[in-house]
Amino acid sequence: MEKIVDARGLACPQPVIQTKKALESLGEYGEVIAIVDNEVARDNVLKLARSLECATSVSEQGNEYYIRIRKESMPDAQLSVNPGQVLLVTSACLGRGSEELGSILMRSFFYSLSETEVLPRRVIFINSGVQLCCQGSPVLDSLLALEQKGLEILACGTCLDYYHLKEKLCVGSVTNMYTIIEYLAAAEKVITL
């Protein structure tokens, strides 16, 4: 069986995610041809294929790369939650610098997280990060998908009040600083964004 993934023009991490889904949809054997239009996407799809121990070959046609990935077998994806890991989101943007880029990166981060098999136990949103849990958030669909997978999502009540957003909360539940401190102190690993 052969599947084509046309990822031309798609922003990172879409080419990788679509290729991974295509590989997972195959039986034990088959091929996926991923078509991308830049070197970064080509390299990322190749890294994915190699991490899954698939055979690969690449041909270049003009400004496009055709990546042939041969699957002989791949274990079924299994969702697992790392109970000792907490993600602390302190801002509505990811990183420092351009706010526009930070918003794009945050959207990409949560979409990618929603497509992975290993998740942190909970995500805690504080300060302007609570805006991501509310009506109009660019990451709302990804957060809803994560919540459906069993990820606990918590938004600081003081922060929601400060931004006048408590009535606009669409995902997760309201928490307080005491509970946040308990979760952070008990966590084996805290990842801060």
Protein backbone atom coordinates (compact mmCIF):
# COMPACT_ATOMS: atom_id res chain seq x y z
CA MET A 1 0.00 0.00 0.00
CA GLU A 2 1.25 3.52 -0.83
CA LYS A 3 0.03 6.84 0.58
CA ILE A 4 0.87 10.33 -0.61
CA VAL A 5 1.25 13.18 1.88
CA ASP A 6 1.28 16.51 0.07
CA ALA A 7 2.77 18.85 2.67
CA ARG A 8 3.86 21.59 0.29
CA GLY A 9 3.26 25.02 1.72
CA LEU A 10 2.49 23.72 5.20
CA ALA A 11 4.12 25.31 8.23
CA CYS A 12 6.14 23.34 10.75
CA PRO A 13 5.19 20.89 12.34
CA GLN A 14 2.40 19.96 9.89
CA PRO A 15 4.58 17.99 7.41
CA VAL A 16 5.89 15.78 10.24
CA ILE A 17 2.50 15.27 11.87
CA GLN A 18 0.75 14.42 8.61
CA THR A 19 3.52 12.01 7.63
CA LYS A 20 3.38 10.32 11.04
CA LYS A 21 -0.40 9.91 10.79
CA ALA A 22 -0.05 8.41 7.31
CA LEU A 23 2.57 5.94 8.58
CA GLU A 24 0.37 4.98 11.54
CA SER A 25 -2.60 4.40 9.22
CA LEU A 26 -0.68 1.79 7.21
CA GLY A 27 -0.75 -1.81 8.26
CA GLU A 28 2.53 -3.44 9.20
CA TYR A 29 3.92 -2.76 5.74
CA GLY A 30 3.62 0.00 3.20
CA GLU A 31 5.06 3.21 1.85
CA VAL A 32 4.42 6.88 2.33
CA ILE A 33 5.62 9.52 -0.09
CA ALA A 34 5.83 12.90 1.62
CA ILE A 35 6.14 15.89 -0.67
CA VAL A 36 7.62 19.03 0.89
CA ASP A 37 8.90 22.29 -0.53
CA ASN A 38 11.74 23.27 1.81
CA GLU A 39 14.86 21.75 3.32
CA VAL A 40 13.74 22.15 6.94
CA ALA A 41 10.56 20.14 6.32
CA ARG A 42 12.58 17.55 4.36
CA ASP A 43 15.06 17.14 7.23
CA ASN A 44 12.32 16.96 9.89
CA VAL A 45 10.35 14.29 7.98
CA LEU A 46 13.55 12.30 7.49
CA LYS A 47 14.30 12.51 11.24
CA LEU A 48 10.82 11.21 11.97
CA ALA A 49 11.24 8.29 9.55
CA ARG A 50 14.63 7.38 10.97
CA SER A 51 13.35 7.56 14.55
CA LEU A 52 10.70 5.01 13.51
CA GLU A 53 13.39 2.86 11.88
CA CYS A 54 11.87 3.20 8.42
CA ALA A 55 13.89 3.04 5.21
CA THR A 56 14.02 6.33 3.33
CA SER A 57 15.05 7.81 0.02
CA VAL A 58 14.77 11.38 -1.26
CA SER A 59 14.48 12.74 -4.77
CA GLU A 60 14.51 16.42 -5.65
CA GLN A 61 12.30 17.76 -8.42
CA GLY A 62 12.71 21.50 -8.89
CA ASN A 63 12.13 23.13 -5.50
CA GLU A 64 10.29 20.11 -4.11
CA TYR A 65 11.46 17.04 -2.23
CA TYR A 66 9.80 13.65 -2.57
CA ILE A 67 10.57 11.56 0.51
CA ARG A 68 9.81 7.87 0.12
CA ILE A 69 9.40 6.15 3.49
CA ARG A 70 9.10 2.38 3.62
CA LYS A 71 7.49 0.93 6.72
CA GLU A 72 8.01 -2.68 7.61
CA SER A 73 6.39 -2.47 11.02
CA MET A 74 5.71 0.19 13.56
CA PRO A 75 4.29 -0.26 17.05
CA ASP A 76 0.83 1.17 17.64
CA ALA A 77 0.93 4.60 19.19
CA GLN A 78 -0.07 4.51 22.80
CA LEU A 79 -0.98 7.55 24.81
CA SER A 80 0.77 7.81 28.12
CA VAL A 81 0.78 10.48 30.75
CA ASN A 82 3.94 11.30 32.67
CA PRO A 83 2.50 11.69 36.19
CA GLY A 84 5.56 13.53 37.49
CA GLN A 85 5.58 16.22 34.82
CA VAL A 86 3.83 19.60 34.95
CA LEU A 87 3.77 22.26 32.26
CA LEU A 88 3.57 25.84 33.58
CA VAL A 89 2.40 28.39 30.99
CA THR A 90 3.17 31.95 32.12
CA SER A 91 2.31 33.91 28.97
CA ALA A 92 -0.01 33.90 25.98
CA CYS A 93 3.10 34.04 23.73
CA LEU A 94 5.99 31.60 23.51
CA GLY A 95 9.46 33.11 23.88
CA ARG A 96 10.65 36.69 23.93
CA GLY A 97 10.71 39.08 21.04
CA SER A 98 7.98 39.43 18.45
CA GLU A 99 4.52 39.01 19.95
CA GLU A 100 3.18 37.89 16.57
CA LEU A 101 5.84 35.18 16.29
CA GLY A 102 5.29 34.20 19.93
CA SER A 103 1.60 33.63 19.22
CA ILE A 104 2.41 31.51 16.15
CA LEU A 105 4.91 29.46 18.18
CA MET A 106 2.42 28.92 21.02
CA ARG A 107 -0.21 27.71 18.56
CA SER A 108 2.33 25.34 16.99
CA PHE A 109 3.48 24.13 20.42
CA PHE A 110 0.01 23.17 21.66
CA TYR A 111 -1.00 21.62 18.35
CA SER A 112 2.17 19.52 18.39
CA LEU A 113 1.59 18.57 22.03
CA SER A 114 -1.94 17.45 21.19
CA GLU A 115 -0.51 15.13 18.53
CA THR A 116 2.09 13.43 20.76
CA GLU A 117 1.67 10.19 22.68
CA VAL A 118 3.46 11.21 25.90
CA LEU A 119 1.81 14.06 27.79
CA PRO A 120 2.53 15.86 31.04
CA ARG A 121 0.08 15.15 33.88
CA ARG A 122 -1.26 18.69 33.94
CA VAL A 123 -0.86 22.13 32.39
CA ILE A 124 -1.16 25.15 34.67
CA PHE A 125 -1.85 28.57 33.16
CA ILE A 126 -0.92 31.75 35.04
CA ASN A 127 -0.63 35.46 34.23
CA SER A 128 -1.49 36.19 30.56
CA GLY A 129 -1.25 32.44 29.88
CA VAL A 130 -4.84 32.11 31.14
CA GLN A 131 -5.97 33.89 27.96
CA LEU A 132 -5.15 30.68 26.08
CA CYS A 133 -7.92 28.82 27.96
CA CYS A 134 -10.59 31.35 27.10
CA GLN A 135 -13.00 32.21 24.32
CA GLY A 136 -11.18 33.35 21.18
CA SER A 137 -7.92 31.58 22.04
CA PRO A 138 -5.87 30.43 19.02
CA VAL A 139 -4.99 27.21 20.88
CA LEU A 140 -8.46 26.37 22.19
CA ASP A 141 -9.03 23.39 19.86
CA SER A 142 -5.68 21.87 20.84
CA LEU A 143 -6.38 22.36 24.55
CA LEU A 144 -9.81 20.75 24.21
CA ALA A 145 -8.19 17.78 22.43
CA LEU A 146 -5.60 17.49 25.22
CA GLU A 147 -8.30 17.62 27.88
CA GLN A 148 -10.19 14.83 26.10
CA LYS A 149 -6.99 12.74 26.23
CA GLY A 150 -6.97 13.09 30.02
CA LEU A 151 -4.62 16.03 30.52
CA GLU A 152 -5.65 18.17 33.48
CA ILE A 153 -5.83 21.86 32.58
CA LEU A 154 -5.87 24.48 35.33
CA ALA A 155 -6.19 28.26 35.08
CA CYS A 156 -5.27 30.65 37.90
CA GLY A 157 -8.44 32.28 39.28
CA THR A 158 -6.65 35.47 40.33
CA CYS A 159 -5.25 35.83 36.81
CA LEU A 160 -8.64 35.20 35.21
CA ASP A 161 -10.13 37.89 37.48
CA TYR A 162 -7.34 40.33 36.66
CA TYR A 163 -7.96 39.97 32.92
CA HIS A 164 -11.80 39.86 33.43
CA LEU A 165 -11.94 36.42 31.79
CA LYS A 166 -13.50 34.11 34.38
CA GLU A 167 -16.82 33.98 32.49
CA LYS A 168 -14.99 33.29 29.22
CA LEU A 169 -13.11 30.19 30.41
CA CYS A 170 -13.73 27.44 27.82
CA VAL A 171 -11.34 24.67 28.84
CA GLY A 172 -10.01 23.37 32.13
CA SER A 173 -10.95 24.49 35.60
CA VAL A 174 -10.18 27.40 37.89
CA THR A 175 -7.51 26.90 40.53
CA ASN A 176 -5.70 28.95 43.16
CA MET A 177 -2.08 29.72 44.00
CA TYR A 178 -2.00 27.33 46.97
CA THR A 179 -2.99 24.40 44.75
CA ILE A 180 -0.56 25.53 42.04
CA ILE A 181 2.29 25.55 44.58
CA GLU A 182 1.30 22.06 45.79
CA TYR A 183 1.35 20.68 42.24
CA LEU A 184 4.65 22.37 41.38
CA ALA A 185 6.30 21.19 44.61
CA ALA A 186 5.12 17.61 44.09
CA ALA A 187 6.18 17.47 40.44
CA GLU A 188 9.31 15.57 39.47
CA LYS A 189 9.78 17.98 36.58
CA VAL A 190 8.28 21.40 35.83
CA ILE A 191 8.56 22.76 32.30
CA THR A 192 7.96 26.51 32.13
CA LEU A 193 6.86 28.35 29.01
